[in-house]
N, C-alpha and C. Protein backbone atom coordinates (compact mmCIF):
# COMPACT_ATOMS: atom_id res chain seq x y z
N MET A 1 0.85 -1.19 0.00
CA MET A 1 0.00 0.00 0.00
C MET A 1 0.89 1.24 0.00
N ARG A 2 0.55 2.21 -0.81
CA ARG A 2 1.33 3.45 -0.89
C ARG A 2 1.14 4.28 0.37
N ARG A 3 2.23 4.67 1.00
CA ARG A 3 2.18 5.48 2.21
C ARG A 3 1.98 6.95 1.85
N PRO A 4 1.25 7.71 2.67
CA PRO A 4 1.03 9.14 2.37
C PRO A 4 2.32 9.93 2.53
N LEU A 5 2.62 10.81 1.55
CA LEU A 5 3.80 11.67 1.61
C LEU A 5 3.35 13.10 1.83
N PHE A 6 3.23 13.49 3.06
CA PHE A 6 2.73 14.83 3.38
C PHE A 6 3.68 15.52 4.35
N ILE A 7 3.51 16.85 4.43
CA ILE A 7 4.23 17.65 5.42
C ILE A 7 3.21 18.19 6.41
N ALA A 8 3.34 17.80 7.65
CA ALA A 8 2.51 18.38 8.72
C ALA A 8 3.27 19.58 9.28
N THR A 9 2.54 20.61 9.66
CA THR A 9 3.24 21.84 10.07
C THR A 9 2.56 22.54 11.23
N THR A 10 3.37 23.28 11.97
CA THR A 10 2.91 24.14 13.06
C THR A 10 3.93 25.26 13.23
N SER A 11 3.49 26.37 13.76
CA SER A 11 4.45 27.39 14.17
C SER A 11 5.13 26.90 15.45
N LEU A 12 6.27 27.49 15.79
CA LEU A 12 7.01 27.05 16.97
C LEU A 12 6.34 27.59 18.24
N THR A 13 5.41 26.80 18.76
CA THR A 13 4.81 27.04 20.07
C THR A 13 4.68 25.69 20.75
N ARG A 14 4.69 25.68 22.07
CA ARG A 14 4.52 24.42 22.78
C ARG A 14 3.13 23.83 22.48
N ALA A 15 2.10 24.69 22.44
CA ALA A 15 0.76 24.22 22.16
C ALA A 15 0.68 23.59 20.77
N GLY A 16 1.34 24.21 19.79
CA GLY A 16 1.30 23.68 18.43
C GLY A 16 2.02 22.35 18.31
N VAL A 17 3.19 22.25 18.93
CA VAL A 17 3.95 21.00 18.87
C VAL A 17 3.20 19.89 19.60
N GLU A 18 2.56 20.21 20.72
CA GLU A 18 1.77 19.20 21.44
C GLU A 18 0.62 18.69 20.57
N ALA A 19 -0.05 19.61 19.88
CA ALA A 19 -1.17 19.21 19.02
C ALA A 19 -0.69 18.31 17.90
N CYS A 20 0.47 18.63 17.33
CA CYS A 20 1.00 17.80 16.25
C CYS A 20 1.44 16.43 16.76
N ALA A 21 2.00 16.40 17.96
CA ALA A 21 2.40 15.12 18.54
C ALA A 21 1.17 14.24 18.77
N ASP A 22 0.08 14.84 19.24
CA ASP A 22 -1.16 14.08 19.43
C ASP A 22 -1.68 13.54 18.10
N PHE A 23 -1.62 14.38 17.06
CA PHE A 23 -2.06 13.95 15.73
C PHE A 23 -1.22 12.79 15.22
N LEU A 24 0.09 12.92 15.35
CA LEU A 24 0.99 11.88 14.84
C LEU A 24 0.84 10.59 15.63
N GLU A 25 0.59 10.69 16.92
CA GLU A 25 0.36 9.48 17.72
C GLU A 25 -0.88 8.74 17.23
N ALA A 26 -1.91 9.52 16.85
CA ALA A 26 -3.15 8.90 16.40
C ALA A 26 -3.00 8.20 15.05
N VAL A 27 -2.14 8.75 14.18
CA VAL A 27 -2.01 8.17 12.84
C VAL A 27 -0.79 7.27 12.70
N ALA A 28 0.01 7.17 13.78
CA ALA A 28 1.26 6.39 13.72
C ALA A 28 1.08 4.98 13.17
N PRO A 29 0.02 4.26 13.55
CA PRO A 29 -0.12 2.89 13.04
C PRO A 29 -0.22 2.80 11.51
N ARG A 30 -0.63 3.90 10.88
CA ARG A 30 -0.81 3.89 9.43
C ARG A 30 0.37 4.51 8.69
N LEU A 31 1.36 5.00 9.43
CA LEU A 31 2.52 5.63 8.81
C LEU A 31 3.62 4.62 8.55
N GLY A 32 4.36 4.89 7.48
CA GLY A 32 5.60 4.15 7.30
C GLY A 32 6.68 4.93 8.04
N ALA A 33 7.82 5.10 7.43
CA ALA A 33 8.86 5.95 8.02
C ALA A 33 8.35 7.38 8.05
N PHE A 34 8.52 8.05 9.19
CA PHE A 34 8.06 9.44 9.32
C PHE A 34 9.16 10.24 10.00
N TRP A 35 9.46 11.41 9.41
CA TRP A 35 10.58 12.23 9.85
C TRP A 35 10.14 13.28 10.86
N LEU A 36 10.87 13.37 11.96
CA LEU A 36 10.61 14.37 12.99
C LEU A 36 11.74 15.40 13.01
N PRO A 37 11.44 16.67 13.33
CA PRO A 37 12.48 17.71 13.36
C PRO A 37 13.32 17.63 14.63
N LEU A 38 13.99 16.50 14.81
CA LEU A 38 14.87 16.25 15.94
C LEU A 38 16.26 15.93 15.39
N PRO A 39 17.31 16.24 16.12
CA PRO A 39 18.66 15.97 15.61
C PRO A 39 18.87 14.50 15.27
N ALA A 40 19.56 14.26 14.16
CA ALA A 40 19.84 12.88 13.74
C ALA A 40 20.64 12.14 14.80
N GLU A 41 21.43 12.88 15.59
CA GLU A 41 22.20 12.24 16.66
C GLU A 41 21.29 11.49 17.62
N LEU A 42 20.11 12.06 17.86
CA LEU A 42 19.17 11.43 18.79
C LEU A 42 18.72 10.07 18.27
N CYS A 43 18.41 10.00 16.98
CA CYS A 43 17.98 8.72 16.39
C CYS A 43 19.10 7.68 16.41
N LYS A 44 20.34 8.15 16.47
CA LYS A 44 21.48 7.23 16.51
C LYS A 44 21.87 6.84 17.93
N GLY A 45 21.09 7.34 18.90
CA GLY A 45 21.37 7.00 20.28
C GLY A 45 22.49 7.80 20.90
N LEU A 46 22.86 8.92 20.27
CA LEU A 46 23.95 9.77 20.76
C LEU A 46 23.38 10.93 21.57
N PRO A 47 24.17 11.54 22.43
CA PRO A 47 23.70 12.72 23.18
C PRO A 47 23.28 13.83 22.23
N ALA A 48 22.18 14.49 22.55
CA ALA A 48 21.68 15.56 21.68
C ALA A 48 21.10 16.67 22.53
N ASP A 49 21.91 17.69 22.76
CA ASP A 49 21.47 18.84 23.55
C ASP A 49 20.60 19.74 22.67
N LEU A 50 19.34 19.88 23.04
CA LEU A 50 18.42 20.69 22.24
C LEU A 50 18.42 22.16 22.64
N GLY A 51 19.18 22.51 23.67
CA GLY A 51 19.28 23.90 24.06
C GLY A 51 17.94 24.51 24.46
N PRO A 52 17.74 25.81 24.16
CA PRO A 52 16.51 26.50 24.56
C PRO A 52 15.24 25.90 23.93
N LEU A 53 15.40 25.15 22.84
CA LEU A 53 14.23 24.59 22.17
C LEU A 53 13.67 23.34 22.86
N GLU A 54 14.42 22.82 23.83
CA GLU A 54 14.02 21.53 24.40
C GLU A 54 12.61 21.53 24.96
N LYS A 55 12.23 22.61 25.67
CA LYS A 55 10.90 22.61 26.28
C LYS A 55 9.78 22.67 25.23
N TYR A 56 10.11 23.15 24.03
CA TYR A 56 9.11 23.19 22.96
C TYR A 56 9.08 21.88 22.17
N LEU A 57 10.19 21.16 22.19
CA LEU A 57 10.27 19.89 21.46
C LEU A 57 9.99 18.67 22.34
N GLU A 58 9.79 18.89 23.64
CA GLU A 58 9.53 17.78 24.56
C GLU A 58 8.41 16.85 24.10
N PRO A 59 7.29 17.38 23.55
CA PRO A 59 6.24 16.46 23.08
C PRO A 59 6.73 15.53 21.98
N LEU A 60 7.66 16.00 21.14
CA LEU A 60 8.21 15.14 20.09
C LEU A 60 9.16 14.10 20.66
N LEU A 61 9.90 14.48 21.70
CA LEU A 61 10.78 13.51 22.36
C LEU A 61 9.95 12.39 22.98
N ALA A 62 8.84 12.77 23.63
CA ALA A 62 7.95 11.76 24.21
C ALA A 62 7.37 10.87 23.12
N LEU A 63 6.99 11.47 22.00
CA LEU A 63 6.45 10.70 20.88
C LEU A 63 7.49 9.70 20.38
N TYR A 64 8.71 10.17 20.22
CA TYR A 64 9.78 9.32 19.69
C TYR A 64 10.06 8.13 20.61
N TYR A 65 10.12 8.38 21.90
CA TYR A 65 10.51 7.33 22.84
C TYR A 65 9.36 6.44 23.29
N GLU A 66 8.14 6.97 23.25
CA GLU A 66 7.03 6.25 23.86
C GLU A 66 6.03 5.65 22.87
N VAL A 67 5.98 6.16 21.66
CA VAL A 67 5.01 5.67 20.68
C VAL A 67 5.75 4.83 19.64
N LYS A 68 5.35 3.59 19.52
CA LYS A 68 6.03 2.68 18.60
C LYS A 68 5.66 3.01 17.16
N ALA A 69 6.64 3.40 16.39
CA ALA A 69 6.46 3.72 14.97
C ALA A 69 7.84 3.82 14.35
N ASN A 70 7.88 3.99 13.03
CA ASN A 70 9.16 4.08 12.33
C ASN A 70 9.59 5.55 12.25
N TRP A 71 9.92 6.12 13.42
CA TRP A 71 10.32 7.52 13.48
C TRP A 71 11.76 7.69 12.99
N ARG A 72 11.98 8.76 12.25
CA ARG A 72 13.32 9.12 11.82
C ARG A 72 13.56 10.60 12.16
N CYS A 73 14.82 10.97 12.22
CA CYS A 73 15.17 12.34 12.60
C CYS A 73 15.87 13.06 11.45
N TYR A 74 15.57 14.34 11.29
CA TYR A 74 16.33 15.14 10.33
C TYR A 74 16.81 16.42 11.02
N GLY A 75 17.96 16.91 10.61
CA GLY A 75 18.60 18.02 11.28
C GLY A 75 19.75 17.51 12.12
N SER A 76 20.38 18.42 12.85
CA SER A 76 21.53 18.05 13.66
C SER A 76 21.68 19.02 14.82
N VAL A 77 22.49 18.61 15.81
CA VAL A 77 22.78 19.50 16.93
C VAL A 77 23.51 20.74 16.43
N ALA A 78 24.41 20.57 15.48
CA ALA A 78 25.15 21.71 14.92
C ALA A 78 24.20 22.71 14.27
N GLU A 79 23.17 22.20 13.62
CA GLU A 79 22.19 23.09 12.98
C GLU A 79 21.42 23.87 14.03
N LEU A 80 21.09 23.24 15.15
CA LEU A 80 20.42 23.95 16.24
C LEU A 80 21.30 25.07 16.78
N ARG A 81 22.60 24.79 16.92
CA ARG A 81 23.52 25.83 17.40
C ARG A 81 23.58 27.00 16.41
N ARG A 82 23.60 26.69 15.11
CA ARG A 82 23.63 27.76 14.10
C ARG A 82 22.37 28.61 14.19
N LYS A 83 21.24 27.99 14.45
CA LYS A 83 19.99 28.74 14.58
C LYS A 83 20.01 29.64 15.81
N GLU A 84 20.63 29.16 16.88
CA GLU A 84 20.74 29.97 18.09
C GLU A 84 21.60 31.21 17.81
N LEU A 85 22.72 31.03 17.11
CA LEU A 85 23.58 32.16 16.77
C LEU A 85 22.87 33.13 15.83
N ALA A 86 22.10 32.58 14.89
CA ALA A 86 21.35 33.43 13.96
C ALA A 86 20.30 34.24 14.70
N ALA A 87 19.69 33.64 15.72
CA ALA A 87 18.68 34.35 16.51
C ALA A 87 19.30 35.55 17.22
N VAL A 88 20.52 35.39 17.70
CA VAL A 88 21.22 36.51 18.35
C VAL A 88 21.45 37.65 17.36
N LYS A 89 21.83 37.31 16.14
CA LYS A 89 22.05 38.33 15.11
C LYS A 89 20.74 39.05 14.77
N LEU A 90 19.64 38.28 14.75
CA LEU A 90 18.35 38.90 14.44
C LEU A 90 17.94 39.86 15.55
N VAL A 91 18.18 39.48 16.78
CA VAL A 91 17.86 40.38 17.90
C VAL A 91 18.66 41.67 17.77
N ALA A 92 19.90 41.57 17.32
CA ALA A 92 20.72 42.77 17.11
C ALA A 92 20.09 43.68 16.06
N LEU A 93 19.57 43.09 14.98
CA LEU A 93 18.90 43.88 13.94
C LEU A 93 17.65 44.55 14.50
N VAL A 94 16.91 43.82 15.31
CA VAL A 94 15.69 44.36 15.92
C VAL A 94 16.02 45.53 16.84
N LEU A 95 17.04 45.36 17.68
CA LEU A 95 17.42 46.43 18.59
C LEU A 95 17.87 47.68 17.82
N LYS A 96 18.61 47.47 16.74
CA LYS A 96 19.06 48.59 15.93
C LYS A 96 17.86 49.32 15.31
N ALA A 97 16.87 48.55 14.85
CA ALA A 97 15.67 49.16 14.27
C ALA A 97 14.90 49.96 15.31
N LYS A 98 14.85 49.46 16.54
CA LYS A 98 14.12 50.16 17.59
C LYS A 98 14.87 51.43 18.02
N VAL A 99 16.21 51.35 18.08
CA VAL A 99 17.00 52.51 18.52
C VAL A 99 16.96 53.63 17.48
N PHE A 100 17.13 53.26 16.19
CA PHE A 100 17.21 54.27 15.14
C PHE A 100 15.87 54.56 14.47
N GLY A 101 14.87 53.74 14.77
CA GLY A 101 13.54 53.99 14.25
C GLY A 101 13.38 53.74 12.77
N LYS A 102 14.26 52.93 12.19
CA LYS A 102 14.13 52.61 10.77
C LYS A 102 14.74 51.24 10.48
N ILE A 103 14.30 50.67 9.36
CA ILE A 103 14.76 49.35 8.93
C ILE A 103 15.82 49.51 7.84
N ASP A 104 17.00 48.95 8.07
CA ASP A 104 18.04 48.94 7.03
C ASP A 104 17.86 47.66 6.22
N LEU A 105 17.15 47.77 5.09
CA LEU A 105 16.82 46.58 4.31
C LEU A 105 18.04 45.82 3.81
N ALA A 106 19.12 46.51 3.54
CA ALA A 106 20.33 45.84 3.07
C ALA A 106 20.83 44.84 4.12
N GLU A 107 20.80 45.25 5.38
CA GLU A 107 21.24 44.35 6.46
C GLU A 107 20.25 43.19 6.63
N TRP A 108 18.97 43.48 6.52
CA TRP A 108 17.96 42.42 6.65
C TRP A 108 18.04 41.46 5.47
N ASP A 109 18.31 41.99 4.27
CA ASP A 109 18.48 41.12 3.11
C ASP A 109 19.63 40.14 3.33
N THR A 110 20.72 40.64 3.91
CA THR A 110 21.87 39.79 4.18
C THR A 110 21.51 38.70 5.19
N TYR A 111 20.74 39.07 6.20
CA TYR A 111 20.37 38.09 7.22
C TYR A 111 19.52 36.97 6.64
N PHE A 112 18.58 37.31 5.78
CA PHE A 112 17.63 36.31 5.27
C PHE A 112 18.06 35.72 3.91
N THR A 113 19.34 35.75 3.61
CA THR A 113 19.79 35.20 2.33
C THR A 113 19.67 33.68 2.27
N GLN A 114 19.90 33.01 3.38
CA GLN A 114 19.91 31.54 3.37
C GLN A 114 18.53 30.99 3.71
N ARG A 115 17.98 30.23 2.78
CA ARG A 115 16.67 29.62 2.98
C ARG A 115 16.82 28.26 3.66
N ALA A 116 15.82 27.91 4.44
CA ALA A 116 15.83 26.61 5.09
C ALA A 116 15.63 25.51 4.06
N GLU A 117 16.32 24.40 4.25
CA GLU A 117 16.16 23.27 3.34
C GLU A 117 14.81 22.60 3.57
N ALA A 118 14.21 22.12 2.48
CA ALA A 118 12.94 21.42 2.60
C ALA A 118 13.15 20.09 3.32
N PRO A 119 12.25 19.72 4.22
CA PRO A 119 12.40 18.45 4.93
C PRO A 119 12.07 17.28 4.01
N PRO A 120 12.50 16.08 4.38
CA PRO A 120 12.07 14.90 3.62
C PRO A 120 10.58 14.67 3.83
N LYS A 121 10.01 13.78 3.06
CA LYS A 121 8.58 13.47 3.21
C LYS A 121 8.40 11.99 3.49
N PRO A 122 7.41 11.67 4.32
CA PRO A 122 6.54 12.55 5.10
C PRO A 122 7.26 13.04 6.35
N ALA A 123 6.87 14.23 6.82
CA ALA A 123 7.58 14.81 7.95
C ALA A 123 6.72 15.83 8.68
N LEU A 124 7.15 16.13 9.89
CA LEU A 124 6.63 17.29 10.61
C LEU A 124 7.65 18.40 10.44
N ALA A 125 7.20 19.56 9.98
CA ALA A 125 8.09 20.71 9.80
C ALA A 125 7.56 21.86 10.65
N ILE A 126 8.44 22.50 11.37
CA ILE A 126 8.04 23.61 12.24
C ILE A 126 8.30 24.93 11.54
N GLY A 127 7.24 25.72 11.41
CA GLY A 127 7.39 27.07 10.86
C GLY A 127 7.40 27.18 9.35
N THR A 128 6.92 26.16 8.65
CA THR A 128 6.89 26.24 7.19
C THR A 128 5.48 26.60 6.71
N LEU A 129 5.41 27.13 5.50
CA LEU A 129 4.12 27.43 4.90
C LEU A 129 3.46 26.12 4.48
N VAL A 130 2.16 26.04 4.65
CA VAL A 130 1.46 24.82 4.26
C VAL A 130 1.40 24.74 2.73
N GLN A 131 1.71 23.57 2.20
CA GLN A 131 1.70 23.34 0.76
C GLN A 131 0.48 22.52 0.37
N GLU A 132 0.38 22.19 -0.94
CA GLU A 132 -0.76 21.39 -1.39
C GLU A 132 -0.83 20.05 -0.68
N ASP A 133 0.33 19.49 -0.38
CA ASP A 133 0.36 18.20 0.30
C ASP A 133 0.55 18.38 1.80
N GLY A 134 0.19 19.56 2.31
CA GLY A 134 0.44 19.87 3.71
C GLY A 134 -0.77 19.67 4.60
N ILE A 135 -0.50 19.50 5.88
CA ILE A 135 -1.53 19.35 6.91
C ILE A 135 -1.16 20.29 8.05
N ILE A 136 -2.09 21.14 8.45
CA ILE A 136 -1.87 22.00 9.61
C ILE A 136 -2.29 21.21 10.84
N CYS A 137 -1.34 20.90 11.70
CA CYS A 137 -1.66 20.09 12.88
C CYS A 137 -1.52 20.87 14.18
N GLY A 138 -1.02 22.10 14.10
CA GLY A 138 -0.83 22.88 15.32
C GLY A 138 -1.19 24.33 15.12
N THR A 139 -0.40 25.25 15.68
CA THR A 139 -0.69 26.67 15.56
C THR A 139 -0.30 27.16 14.16
N TYR A 140 -1.14 28.01 13.61
CA TYR A 140 -0.93 28.53 12.26
C TYR A 140 -1.60 29.89 12.19
N PRO A 141 -1.07 30.87 11.49
CA PRO A 141 0.02 30.80 10.52
C PRO A 141 1.39 30.83 11.17
N PRO A 142 2.47 30.66 10.36
CA PRO A 142 3.82 30.81 10.88
C PRO A 142 4.01 32.21 11.45
N ASN A 143 4.90 32.35 12.42
CA ASN A 143 5.18 33.69 12.94
C ASN A 143 5.98 34.48 11.89
N PRO A 144 6.14 35.78 12.08
CA PRO A 144 6.81 36.60 11.06
C PRO A 144 8.24 36.16 10.73
N ILE A 145 8.97 35.66 11.72
CA ILE A 145 10.33 35.20 11.47
C ILE A 145 10.32 33.96 10.58
N GLU A 146 9.44 33.03 10.89
CA GLU A 146 9.33 31.81 10.09
C GLU A 146 8.94 32.13 8.66
N LEU A 147 7.98 33.06 8.52
CA LEU A 147 7.56 33.47 7.18
C LEU A 147 8.71 34.11 6.41
N ALA A 148 9.46 34.97 7.07
CA ALA A 148 10.57 35.66 6.40
C ALA A 148 11.62 34.67 5.90
N HIS A 149 11.88 33.62 6.66
CA HIS A 149 12.88 32.64 6.22
C HIS A 149 12.44 31.94 4.93
N GLU A 150 11.14 31.89 4.67
CA GLU A 150 10.66 31.21 3.47
C GLU A 150 10.36 32.16 2.31
N ARG A 151 9.92 33.38 2.62
CA ARG A 151 9.42 34.26 1.56
C ARG A 151 10.18 35.55 1.37
N TRP A 152 11.14 35.87 2.22
CA TRP A 152 11.79 37.18 2.17
C TRP A 152 12.31 37.50 0.78
N HIS A 153 12.99 36.56 0.16
CA HIS A 153 13.63 36.81 -1.14
C HIS A 153 12.62 37.05 -2.25
N GLN A 154 11.34 36.72 -2.03
CA GLN A 154 10.31 36.90 -3.06
C GLN A 154 9.55 38.22 -2.90
N LEU A 155 9.79 38.93 -1.81
CA LEU A 155 8.98 40.11 -1.50
C LEU A 155 9.57 41.39 -2.07
N PRO A 156 8.72 42.34 -2.50
CA PRO A 156 9.21 43.65 -2.91
C PRO A 156 9.63 44.44 -1.66
N PRO A 157 10.42 45.50 -1.85
CA PRO A 157 10.96 46.25 -0.70
C PRO A 157 9.90 46.72 0.30
N GLU A 158 8.74 47.19 -0.20
CA GLU A 158 7.75 47.71 0.74
C GLU A 158 7.18 46.61 1.64
N LYS A 159 7.03 45.40 1.09
CA LYS A 159 6.54 44.30 1.91
C LYS A 159 7.62 43.78 2.85
N LYS A 160 8.87 43.84 2.42
CA LYS A 160 9.97 43.48 3.32
C LYS A 160 9.99 44.40 4.53
N SER A 161 9.84 45.70 4.27
CA SER A 161 9.85 46.66 5.37
C SER A 161 8.70 46.41 6.35
N ALA A 162 7.54 46.14 5.79
CA ALA A 162 6.37 45.87 6.64
C ALA A 162 6.57 44.59 7.45
N LEU A 163 7.12 43.57 6.81
CA LEU A 163 7.36 42.31 7.51
C LEU A 163 8.42 42.49 8.60
N ALA A 164 9.44 43.27 8.31
CA ALA A 164 10.47 43.54 9.31
C ALA A 164 9.88 44.21 10.54
N LYS A 165 8.91 45.09 10.33
CA LYS A 165 8.25 45.75 11.47
C LYS A 165 7.47 44.74 12.31
N TRP A 166 6.85 43.77 11.63
CA TRP A 166 6.16 42.71 12.38
C TRP A 166 7.17 41.88 13.18
N ILE A 167 8.33 41.64 12.60
CA ILE A 167 9.37 40.88 13.30
C ILE A 167 9.85 41.65 14.52
N VAL A 168 10.06 42.96 14.37
CA VAL A 168 10.46 43.79 15.50
C VAL A 168 9.42 43.71 16.62
N GLU A 169 8.16 43.78 16.24
CA GLU A 169 7.08 43.70 17.23
C GLU A 169 7.04 42.33 17.90
N TYR A 170 7.22 41.28 17.11
CA TYR A 170 7.18 39.92 17.65
C TYR A 170 8.34 39.68 18.61
N VAL A 171 9.54 40.08 18.24
CA VAL A 171 10.69 39.89 19.13
C VAL A 171 10.49 40.68 20.42
N SER A 172 9.93 41.87 20.32
CA SER A 172 9.63 42.66 21.53
C SER A 172 8.64 41.92 22.42
N MET A 173 7.66 41.28 21.80
CA MET A 173 6.67 40.51 22.57
C MET A 173 7.31 39.30 23.23
N ILE A 174 8.25 38.66 22.53
CA ILE A 174 8.96 37.51 23.12
C ILE A 174 9.69 37.94 24.38
N ILE A 175 10.35 39.08 24.31
CA ILE A 175 11.11 39.59 25.46
C ILE A 175 10.19 39.89 26.63
N GLU A 176 8.99 40.38 26.32
CA GLU A 176 8.05 40.80 27.37
C GLU A 176 7.17 39.66 27.87
N SER A 177 7.20 38.50 27.19
CA SER A 177 6.27 37.42 27.51
C SER A 177 6.92 36.30 28.31
N ILE A 178 6.10 35.44 28.87
CA ILE A 178 6.58 34.30 29.65
C ILE A 178 7.26 33.29 28.74
N ASN A 179 6.68 33.07 27.55
CA ASN A 179 7.22 32.07 26.62
C ASN A 179 6.79 32.41 25.20
N LEU A 180 7.19 31.57 24.25
CA LEU A 180 6.85 31.82 22.84
C LEU A 180 5.36 31.74 22.59
N ASP A 181 4.68 30.87 23.33
CA ASP A 181 3.23 30.74 23.14
C ASP A 181 2.52 32.05 23.44
N GLU A 182 2.85 32.65 24.57
CA GLU A 182 2.21 33.91 24.95
C GLU A 182 2.51 34.99 23.91
N ALA A 183 3.76 35.06 23.46
CA ALA A 183 4.13 36.06 22.46
C ALA A 183 3.39 35.83 21.15
N TYR A 184 3.29 34.56 20.74
CA TYR A 184 2.62 34.23 19.48
C TYR A 184 1.15 34.64 19.52
N PHE A 185 0.47 34.30 20.59
CA PHE A 185 -0.97 34.60 20.66
C PHE A 185 -1.23 36.09 20.84
N LYS A 186 -0.30 36.81 21.46
CA LYS A 186 -0.40 38.27 21.50
C LYS A 186 -0.32 38.84 20.09
N LEU A 187 0.60 38.30 19.31
CA LEU A 187 0.79 38.79 17.94
C LEU A 187 -0.44 38.51 17.08
N VAL A 188 -1.00 37.32 17.23
CA VAL A 188 -2.22 36.98 16.48
C VAL A 188 -3.35 37.94 16.86
N LYS A 189 -3.46 38.21 18.15
CA LYS A 189 -4.49 39.14 18.62
C LYS A 189 -4.28 40.54 18.05
N ARG A 190 -3.01 40.89 17.82
CA ARG A 190 -2.67 42.21 17.28
C ARG A 190 -2.99 42.31 15.79
N GLY A 191 -3.32 41.18 15.13
CA GLY A 191 -3.70 41.23 13.72
C GLY A 191 -2.77 40.49 12.78
N TRP A 192 -1.83 39.72 13.33
CA TRP A 192 -0.85 39.04 12.47
C TRP A 192 -1.50 38.05 11.50
N ALA A 193 -2.50 37.30 11.94
CA ALA A 193 -3.12 36.30 11.06
C ALA A 193 -3.71 36.96 9.82
N HIS A 194 -4.29 38.14 10.00
CA HIS A 194 -4.85 38.88 8.86
C HIS A 194 -3.74 39.42 7.98
N ALA A 195 -2.69 39.98 8.60
CA ALA A 195 -1.58 40.55 7.83
C ALA A 195 -0.84 39.48 7.05
N TYR A 196 -0.74 38.29 7.62
CA TYR A 196 -0.02 37.18 6.99
C TYR A 196 -0.52 36.90 5.59
N VAL A 197 -1.82 37.01 5.40
CA VAL A 197 -2.43 36.71 4.10
C VAL A 197 -1.83 37.56 2.99
N ASN A 198 -1.45 38.80 3.33
CA ASN A 198 -0.89 39.71 2.33
C ASN A 198 0.46 39.23 1.78
N TYR A 199 1.13 38.36 2.53
CA TYR A 199 2.45 37.92 2.11
C TYR A 199 2.43 36.61 1.31
N ILE A 200 1.30 35.95 1.30
CA ILE A 200 1.22 34.68 0.57
C ILE A 200 0.28 34.74 -0.62
N SER A 201 -0.45 35.85 -0.77
CA SER A 201 -1.40 35.98 -1.88
C SER A 201 -0.68 36.47 -3.14
């Protein structure tokens, strides 16, 4: 029997990852090999420090260890470290925008030059846009940072500037909030879900 080749997706929130883990647990008996966004080191039985993301990925760790299925891992610990360093650089851009009151698009263009690689299929992908073969299993839409990593290079300057302002607002909310979930839902309440449509239409 042909196995389904789909990408399940959620924005990076604990609530979204938990919802996706519940979904995958329910369909696990019907899945063949399924890829999780966990370091490949983990699947090989090696130590895998997930850093600040661990509390958001805990539902996937429980799924991997407790639910019998053909789980596979994509990504690496080194990739997680690179993302942490990139996040620091993004915060620097945000602080500069707040201090000087303007967006330097040349610097933002440089930051968003590298696009994330597409995951294997079938897989759970965090922060990707839903495709024709996609399933939304958690929080959606992607936050402004996740969207920028996928669409920045396709946007005209005026939309880049507008998206950068959303990123500045989102990072500010992260700093002021208890966790990513609180920041994400504050942003949605502020109108992000409606604004998001303008970037994918």
